[in-house]
PDB file of N, CA and C in Angstrom:
ATOM      1  N   MET A   1      21.038  -9.400 -20.523  1.00  0.00           N
ATOM      2  CA  MET A   1      21.509  -9.834 -19.138  1.00  0.00           C
ATOM      3  C   MET A   1      20.732  -8.866 -17.883  1.00  0.00           C
ATOM      4  N   TRP A   2      21.438  -8.850 -16.625  1.00  0.00           N
ATOM      5  CA  TRP A   2      20.655  -8.447 -15.626  1.00  0.00           C
ATOM      6  C   TRP A   2      21.328  -6.758 -15.416  1.00  0.00           C
ATOM      7  N   ARG A   3      20.264  -6.030 -15.502  1.00  0.00           N
ATOM      8  CA  ARG A   3      20.638  -4.704 -15.236  1.00  0.00           C
ATOM      9  C   ARG A   3      20.371  -4.170 -13.741  1.00  0.00           C
ATOM     10  N   ALA A   4      20.935  -3.256 -13.494  1.00  0.00           N
ATOM     11  CA  ALA A   4      21.042  -2.743 -12.056  1.00  0.00           C
ATOM     12  C   ALA A   4      19.798  -1.916 -11.982  1.00  0.00           C
ATOM     13  N   MET A   5      18.969  -1.819 -11.183  1.00  0.00           N
ATOM     14  CA  MET A   5      17.716  -1.491 -10.705  1.00  0.00           C
ATOM     15  C   MET A   5      17.911   0.251 -10.895  1.00  0.00           C
ATOM     16  N   ASP A   6      19.017   0.956 -10.757  1.00  0.00           N
ATOM     17  CA  ASP A   6      19.242   2.235 -11.538  1.00  0.00           C
ATOM     18  C   ASP A   6      18.713   2.801 -13.017  1.00  0.00           C
ATOM     19  N   ASP A   7      18.764   1.576 -13.692  1.00  0.00           N
ATOM     20  CA  ASP A   7      18.434   1.304 -15.053  1.00  0.00           C
ATOM     21  C   ASP A   7      17.071   1.135 -15.416  1.00  0.00           C
ATOM     22  N   TRP A   8      16.146   0.555 -14.464  1.00  0.00           N
ATOM     23  CA  TRP A   8      15.040   0.436 -14.813  1.00  0.00           C
ATOM     24  C   TRP A   8      14.081   1.354 -14.534  1.00  0.00           C
ATOM     25  N   PHE A   9      14.202   2.562 -13.571  1.00  0.00           N
ATOM     26  CA  PHE A   9      13.547   3.290 -13.388  1.00  0.00           C
ATOM     27  C   PHE A   9      14.498   4.560 -13.661  1.00  0.00           C
ATOM     28  N   ALA A  10      13.995   5.657 -14.323  1.00  0.00           N
ATOM     29  CA  ALA A  10      14.948   6.881 -14.694  1.00  0.00           C
ATOM     30  C   ALA A  10      14.928   8.039 -13.314  1.00  0.00           C
ATOM     31  N   HIS A  11      13.607   7.844 -13.092  1.00  0.00           N
ATOM     32  CA  HIS A  11      13.700   9.061 -11.805  1.00  0.00           C
ATOM     33  C   HIS A  11      13.258   8.181 -10.722  1.00  0.00           C
ATOM     34  N   ILE A  12      13.746   8.964  -9.363  1.00  0.00           N
ATOM     35  CA  ILE A  12      13.433   8.513  -8.146  1.00  0.00           C
ATOM     36  C   ILE A  12      11.889   8.314  -7.821  1.00  0.00           C
ATOM     37  N   TRP A  13      10.879   9.355  -8.358  1.00  0.00           N
ATOM     38  CA  TRP A  13       9.599   9.313  -7.808  1.00  0.00           C
ATOM     39  C   TRP A  13       8.957   8.014  -8.542  1.00  0.00           C
ATOM     40  N   GLU A  14       9.599   7.436  -9.285  1.00  0.00           N
ATOM     41  CA  GLU A  14       9.132   6.063  -9.871  1.00  0.00           C
ATOM     42  C   GLU A  14       8.877   5.130  -8.877  1.00  0.00           C
ATOM     43  N   TYR A  15      10.084   4.828  -8.138  1.00  0.00           N
ATOM     44  CA  TYR A  15      10.274   4.075  -6.993  1.00  0.00           C
ATOM     45  C   TYR A  15       9.009   4.331  -5.767  1.00  0.00           C
ATOM     46  N   HIS A  16       8.932   5.727  -5.785  1.00  0.00           N
ATOM     47  CA  HIS A  16       8.026   6.060  -4.771  1.00  0.00           C
ATOM     48  C   HIS A  16       6.477   5.770  -5.176  1.00  0.00           C
ATOM     49  N   ALA A  17       6.114   6.006  -6.846  1.00  0.00           N
ATOM     50  CA  ALA A  17       4.805   5.516  -6.812  1.00  0.00           C
ATOM     51  C   ALA A  17       4.578   3.921  -6.926  1.00  0.00           C
ATOM     52  N   ILE A  18       5.449   3.323  -7.343  1.00  0.00           N
ATOM     53  CA  ILE A  18       5.146   1.973  -7.256  1.00  0.00           C
ATOM     54  C   ILE A  18       5.224   1.363  -5.838  1.00  0.00           C
ATOM     55  N   ALA A  19       5.960   2.110  -5.035  1.00  0.00           N
ATOM     56  CA  ALA A  19       5.570   1.679  -3.409  1.00  0.00           C
ATOM     57  C   ALA A  19       4.652   2.019  -3.044  1.00  0.00           C
ATOM     58  N   GLY A  20       3.790   3.453  -3.361  1.00  0.00           N
ATOM     59  CA  GLY A  20       2.693   4.145  -2.773  1.00  0.00           C
ATOM     60  C   GLY A  20       1.490   3.119  -3.323  1.00  0.00           C
ATOM     61  N   ALA A  21       1.775   2.616  -4.861  1.00  0.00           N
ATOM     62  CA  ALA A  21       0.654   1.654  -5.422  1.00  0.00           C
ATOM     63  C   ALA A  21       0.379   0.312  -4.617  1.00  0.00           C
ATOM     64  N   PHE A  22       1.616  -0.315  -4.121  1.00  0.00           N
ATOM     65  CA  PHE A  22       1.696  -1.224  -3.641  1.00  0.00           C
ATOM     66  C   PHE A  22       0.802  -1.072  -2.375  1.00  0.00           C
ATOM     67  N   THR A  23       1.293  -0.265  -1.493  1.00  0.00           N
ATOM     68  CA  THR A  23       0.835  -0.041  -0.044  1.00  0.00           C
ATOM     69  C   THR A  23      -0.662   0.364  -0.178  1.00  0.00           C
ATOM     70  N   LEU A  24      -0.948   0.909  -1.357  1.00  0.00           N
ATOM     71  CA  LEU A  24      -2.532   1.470  -1.352  1.00  0.00           C
ATOM     72  C   LEU A  24      -3.146   0.159  -1.696  1.00  0.00           C
ATOM     73  N   ALA A  25      -2.681  -0.836  -2.511  1.00  0.00           N
ATOM     74  CA  ALA A  25      -3.222  -2.100  -2.532  1.00  0.00           C
ATOM     75  C   ALA A  25      -3.386  -2.640  -1.607  1.00  0.00           C
ATOM     76  N   LEU A  26      -2.365  -2.850  -0.774  1.00  0.00           N
ATOM     77  CA  LEU A  26      -2.562  -3.442   0.818  1.00  0.00           C
ATOM     78  C   LEU A  26      -3.714  -2.822   1.521  1.00  0.00           C
ATOM     79  N   ALA A  27      -3.694  -1.585   1.757  1.00  0.00           N
ATOM     80  CA  ALA A  27      -4.870  -1.058   2.609  1.00  0.00           C
ATOM     81  C   ALA A  27      -6.150  -1.471   1.848  1.00  0.00           C
ATOM     82  N   LEU A  28      -6.491  -1.338   0.726  1.00  0.00           N
ATOM     83  CA  LEU A  28      -7.646  -1.672  -0.112  1.00  0.00           C
ATOM     84  C   LEU A  28      -7.794  -3.304   0.246  1.00  0.00           C
ATOM     85  N   THR A  29      -6.820  -3.903   0.548  1.00  0.00           N
ATOM     86  CA  THR A  29      -7.233  -5.344   0.610  1.00  0.00           C
ATOM     87  C   THR A  29      -7.440  -5.190   2.335  1.00  0.00           C
ATOM     88  N   ALA A  30      -6.798  -4.541   3.029  1.00  0.00           N
ATOM     89  CA  ALA A  30      -7.151  -4.721   4.465  1.00  0.00           C
ATOM     90  C   ALA A  30      -8.592  -4.451   4.781  1.00  0.00           C
ATOM     91  N   VAL A  31      -9.283  -3.210   3.948  1.00  0.00           N
ATOM     92  CA  VAL A  31     -10.258  -2.747   4.132  1.00  0.00           C
ATOM     93  C   VAL A  31     -11.548  -3.987   3.659  1.00  0.00           C
ATOM     94  N   TRP A  32     -10.915  -4.609   2.701  1.00  0.00           N
ATOM     95  CA  TRP A  32     -11.793  -5.899   2.221  1.00  0.00           C
ATOM     96  C   TRP A  32     -12.260  -6.917   3.125  1.00  0.00           C
ATOM     97  N   ALA A  33     -10.958  -7.182   3.823  1.00  0.00           N
ATOM     98  CA  ALA A  33     -10.939  -8.390   4.764  1.00  0.00           C
ATOM     99  C   ALA A  33     -11.480  -7.817   5.886  1.00  0.00           C
ATOM    100  N   GLU A  34     -11.572  -6.778   6.563  1.00  0.00           N
ATOM    101  CA  GLU A  34     -12.101  -6.165   7.820  1.00  0.00           C
ATOM    102  C   GLU A  34     -13.498  -6.248   7.365  1.00  0.00           C
ATOM    103  N   ARG A  35     -14.365  -5.598   6.168  1.00  0.00           N
ATOM    104  CA  ARG A  35     -15.693  -5.932   6.146  1.00  0.00           C
ATOM    105  C   ARG A  35     -15.988  -7.244   6.056  1.00  0.00           C
ATOM    106  N   ARG A  36     -15.254  -8.171   5.377  1.00  0.00           N
ATOM    107  CA  ARG A  36     -15.616  -9.532   5.602  1.00  0.00           C
ATOM    108  C   ARG A  36     -15.608 -10.164   6.642  1.00  0.00           C
ATOM    109  N   ARG A  37     -14.739  -9.620   7.555  1.00  0.00           N
ATOM    110  CA  ARG A  37     -14.759 -10.292   8.962  1.00  0.00           C
ATOM    111  C   ARG A  37     -16.127  -9.739   9.755  1.00  0.00           C
ATOM    112  N   LEU A  38     -16.309  -8.598   9.606  1.00  0.00           N
ATOM    113  CA  LEU A  38     -17.456  -8.124  10.311  1.00  0.00           C
ATOM    114  C   LEU A  38     -18.834  -8.748   9.878  1.00  0.00           C
ATOM    115  N   ARG A  39     -18.756  -9.201   8.538  1.00  0.00           N
ATOM    116  CA  ARG A  39     -20.279  -9.746   7.875  1.00  0.00           C
ATOM    117  C   ARG A  39     -20.197 -10.979   8.146  1.00  0.00           C
ATOM    118  N   ARG A  40     -19.287 -11.780   8.742  1.00  0.00           N
ATOM    119  CA  ARG A  40     -19.278 -13.205   9.153  1.00  0.00           C
ATOM    120  C   ARG A  40     -20.506 -13.693   9.488  1.00  0.00           C
ATOM    121  N   THR A  41     -21.133 -14.994   9.094  1.00  0.00           N
ATOM    122  CA  THR A  41     -22.156 -15.530   9.910  1.00  0.00           C
ATOM    123  C   THR A  41     -21.763 -16.719  10.924  1.00  0.00           C
ATOM    124  N   ASN A  42     -20.628 -17.034  11.017  1.00  0.00           N
ATOM    125  CA  ASN A  42     -20.207 -17.911  12.086  1.00  0.00           C
ATOM    126  C   ASN A  42     -19.374 -16.618  13.216  1.00  0.00           C
ATOM    127  N   LEU A  43     -20.186 -16.251  14.259  1.00  0.00           N
ATOM    128  CA  LEU A  43     -19.718 -15.227  15.213  1.00  0.00           C
ATOM    129  C   LEU A  43     -18.372 -15.760  15.888  1.00  0.00           C
ATOM    130  N   ASP A  44     -18.369 -17.172  16.152  1.00  0.00           N
ATOM    131  CA  ASP A  44     -17.200 -17.421  16.800  1.00  0.00           C
ATOM    132  C   ASP A  44     -15.819 -17.404  16.118  1.00  0.00           C
ATOM    133  N   ALA A  45     -16.017 -17.557  14.752  1.00  0.00           N
ATOM    134  CA  ALA A  45     -14.790 -17.491  13.796  1.00  0.00           C
ATOM    135  C   ALA A  45     -14.257 -16.164  13.676  1.00  0.00           C
ATOM    136  N   VAL A  46     -13.515 -15.596  14.664  1.00  0.00           N
ATOM    137  CA  VAL A  46     -13.110 -14.071  14.689  1.00  0.00           C
ATOM    138  C   VAL A  46     -11.924 -13.729  13.896  1.00  0.00           C
ATOM    139  N   GLY A  47     -11.091 -14.709  13.823  1.00  0.00           N
ATOM    140  CA  GLY A  47      -9.698 -14.205  13.220  1.00  0.00           C
ATOM    141  C   GLY A  47      -8.633 -13.809  13.959  1.00  0.00           C
ATOM    142  N   PHE A  48      -7.652 -13.591  13.347  1.00  0.00           N
ATOM    143  CA  PHE A  48      -6.568 -13.279  14.128  1.00  0.00           C
ATOM    144  C   PHE A  48      -5.760 -11.981  13.599  1.00  0.00           C
ATOM    145  N   MET A  49      -6.316 -11.618  12.461  1.00  0.00           N
ATOM    146  CA  MET A  49      -5.172 -10.700  11.857  1.00  0.00           C
ATOM    147  C   MET A  49      -5.900  -9.245  12.387  1.00  0.00           C
ATOM    148  N   PRO A  50      -4.992  -8.350  12.617  1.00  0.00           N
ATOM    149  CA  PRO A  50      -5.623  -7.025  13.065  1.00  0.00           C
ATOM    150  C   PRO A  50      -5.704  -6.183  11.784  1.00  0.00           C
ATOM    151  N   TRP A  51      -6.626  -6.010  11.060  1.00  0.00           N
ATOM    152  CA  TRP A  51      -7.140  -5.519   9.812  1.00  0.00           C
ATOM    153  C   TRP A  51      -7.223  -4.314   9.687  1.00  0.00           C
ATOM    154  N   THR A  52      -7.543  -3.765  11.009  1.00  0.00           N
ATOM    155  CA  THR A  52      -7.637  -1.941  10.991  1.00  0.00           C
ATOM    156  C   THR A  52      -6.206  -1.522  11.164  1.00  0.00           C
ATOM    157  N   VAL A  53      -5.552  -2.240  11.853  1.00  0.00           N
ATOM    158  CA  VAL A  53      -4.091  -1.837  12.167  1.00  0.00           C
ATOM    159  C   VAL A  53      -3.347  -1.664  10.509  1.00  0.00           C
ATOM    160  N   ILE A  54      -3.293  -2.922  10.080  1.00  0.00           N
ATOM    161  CA  ILE A  54      -2.763  -2.856   8.976  1.00  0.00           C
ATOM    162  C   ILE A  54      -3.466  -2.022   7.854  1.00  0.00           C
ATOM    163  N   TYR A  55      -4.619  -1.700   8.042  1.00  0.00           N
ATOM    164  CA  TYR A  55      -5.374  -1.016   6.871  1.00  0.00           C
ATOM    165  C   TYR A  55      -4.400   0.648   7.348  1.00  0.00           C
ATOM    166  N   LEU A  56      -4.588   1.308   8.569  1.00  0.00           N
ATOM    167  CA  LEU A  56      -3.991   2.330   9.097  1.00  0.00           C
ATOM    168  C   LEU A  56      -2.295   2.537   8.905  1.00  0.00           C
ATOM    169  N   ILE A  57      -1.637   1.803   9.011  1.00  0.00           N
ATOM    170  CA  ILE A  57      -0.181   1.715   8.849  1.00  0.00           C
ATOM    171  C   ILE A  57      -0.303   1.971   7.064  1.00  0.00           C
ATOM    172  N   SER A  58      -0.720   0.740   6.498  1.00  0.00           N
ATOM    173  CA  SER A  58      -0.491   0.831   4.881  1.00  0.00           C
ATOM    174  C   SER A  58      -1.097   2.277   4.395  1.00  0.00           C
ATOM    175  N   PHE A  59      -2.062   2.613   4.483  1.00  0.00           N
ATOM    176  CA  PHE A  59      -2.776   3.773   4.099  1.00  0.00           C
ATOM    177  C   PHE A  59      -1.721   5.180   4.245  1.00  0.00           C
ATOM    178  N   LEU A  60      -1.221   4.985   5.664  1.00  0.00           N
ATOM    179  CA  LEU A  60      -0.395   6.265   5.758  1.00  0.00           C
ATOM    180  C   LEU A  60       1.004   6.490   5.022  1.00  0.00           C
ATOM    181  N   ALA A  61       1.443   4.749   4.718  1.00  0.00           N
ATOM    182  CA  ALA A  61       2.638   4.707   4.013  1.00  0.00           C
ATOM    183  C   ALA A  61       2.279   5.197   2.601  1.00  0.00           C
ATOM    184  N   ALA A  62       0.910   4.594   2.027  1.00  0.00           N
ATOM    185  CA  ALA A  62       0.666   5.030   0.738  1.00  0.00           C
ATOM    186  C   ALA A  62       0.848   6.492   0.394  1.00  0.00           C
ATOM    187  N   VAL A  63      -0.098   7.205   1.528  1.00  0.00           N
ATOM    188  CA  VAL A  63      -0.015   8.583   1.365  1.00  0.00           C
ATOM    189  C   VAL A  63       1.301   9.387   1.246  1.00  0.00           C
ATOM    190  N   VAL A  64       2.294   8.963   1.777  1.00  0.00           N
ATOM    191  CA  VAL A  64       3.574   9.643   2.286  1.00  0.00           C
ATOM    192  C   VAL A  64       4.396   8.864   0.792  1.00  0.00           C
ATOM    193  N   PHE A  65       4.274   7.645   0.556  1.00  0.00           N
ATOM    194  CA  PHE A  65       4.938   7.563  -0.585  1.00  0.00           C
ATOM    195  C   PHE A  65       4.354   8.093  -2.187  1.00  0.00           C
ATOM    196  N   LEU A  66       3.036   8.126  -1.969  1.00  0.00           N
ATOM    197  CA  LEU A  66       2.360   9.112  -3.115  1.00  0.00           C
ATOM    198  C   LEU A  66       2.824  10.398  -3.087  1.00  0.00           C
ATOM    199  N   GLY A  67       2.856  11.070  -1.991  1.00  0.00           N
ATOM    200  CA  GLY A  67       2.961  12.461  -1.864  1.00  0.00           C
ATOM    201  C   GLY A  67       4.385  12.803  -2.184  1.00  0.00           C
ATOM    202  N   LEU A  68       5.341  11.805  -1.911  1.00  0.00           N
ATOM    203  CA  LEU A  68       6.856  12.112  -2.546  1.00  0.00           C
ATOM    204  C   LEU A  68       6.740  11.976  -3.824  1.00  0.00           C
ATOM    205  N   ALA A  69       6.189  10.940  -4.373  1.00  0.00           N
ATOM    206  CA  ALA A  69       6.362  10.677  -5.872  1.00  0.00           C
ATOM    207  C   ALA A  69       5.476  11.893  -6.565  1.00  0.00           C
ATOM    208  N   ALA A  70       4.559  12.499  -6.141  1.00  0.00           N
ATOM    209  CA  ALA A  70       3.953  13.729  -6.628  1.00  0.00           C
ATOM    210  C   ALA A  70       4.691  14.950  -6.633  1.00  0.00           C
ATOM    211  N   ARG A  71       5.291  15.092  -5.414  1.00  0.00           N
ATOM    212  CA  ARG A  71       6.418  16.165  -5.241  1.00  0.00           C
ATOM    213  C   ARG A  71       7.389  16.157  -6.253  1.00  0.00           C
ATOM    214  N   GLU A  72       7.897  14.963  -6.271  1.00  0.00           N
ATOM    215  CA  GLU A  72       9.391  14.751  -7.268  1.00  0.00           C
ATOM    216  C   GLU A  72       8.888  14.948  -8.741  1.00  0.00           C
ATOM    217  N   TRP A  73       7.632  14.403  -8.907  1.00  0.00           N
ATOM    218  CA  TRP A  73       7.183  14.573 -10.439  1.00  0.00           C
ATOM    219  C   TRP A  73       6.994  15.593 -10.790  1.00  0.00           C
ATOM    220  N   PHE A  74       6.510  16.720 -10.043  1.00  0.00           N
ATOM    221  CA  PHE A  74       6.019  18.279 -10.435  1.00  0.00           C
ATOM    222  C   PHE A  74       7.184  19.053 -10.084  1.00  0.00           C
ATOM    223  N   GLY A  75       8.060  18.706  -9.417  1.00  0.00           N
ATOM    224  CA  GLY A  75       9.459  19.274  -9.164  1.00  0.00           C
ATOM    225  C   GLY A  75      10.623  19.096 -10.340  1.00  0.00           C
ATOM    226  N   ALA A  76      10.169  17.855 -11.065  1.00  0.00           N
ATOM    227  CA  ALA A  76      11.374  17.642 -12.007  1.00  0.00           C
ATOM    228  C   ALA A  76      11.391  18.295 -13.161  1.00  0.00           C
TER     229      ALA A  76
END
């Protein structure tokens, strides 16, 4: 049956580690997309996604989440 989220993760650092891993994956995806955009062959097809801003915000969030997870893991 359905269990509450509190039963899935025993410690709060696991929530932060999962969120940090997700935002780090998003940051890496944004780096890949920006590199792909810069190396395009058709210079008129610029796209509309602000990949640099997405990278900066997601990388900052990943550093915060993973820092919190490390602090709570070492403190536990």
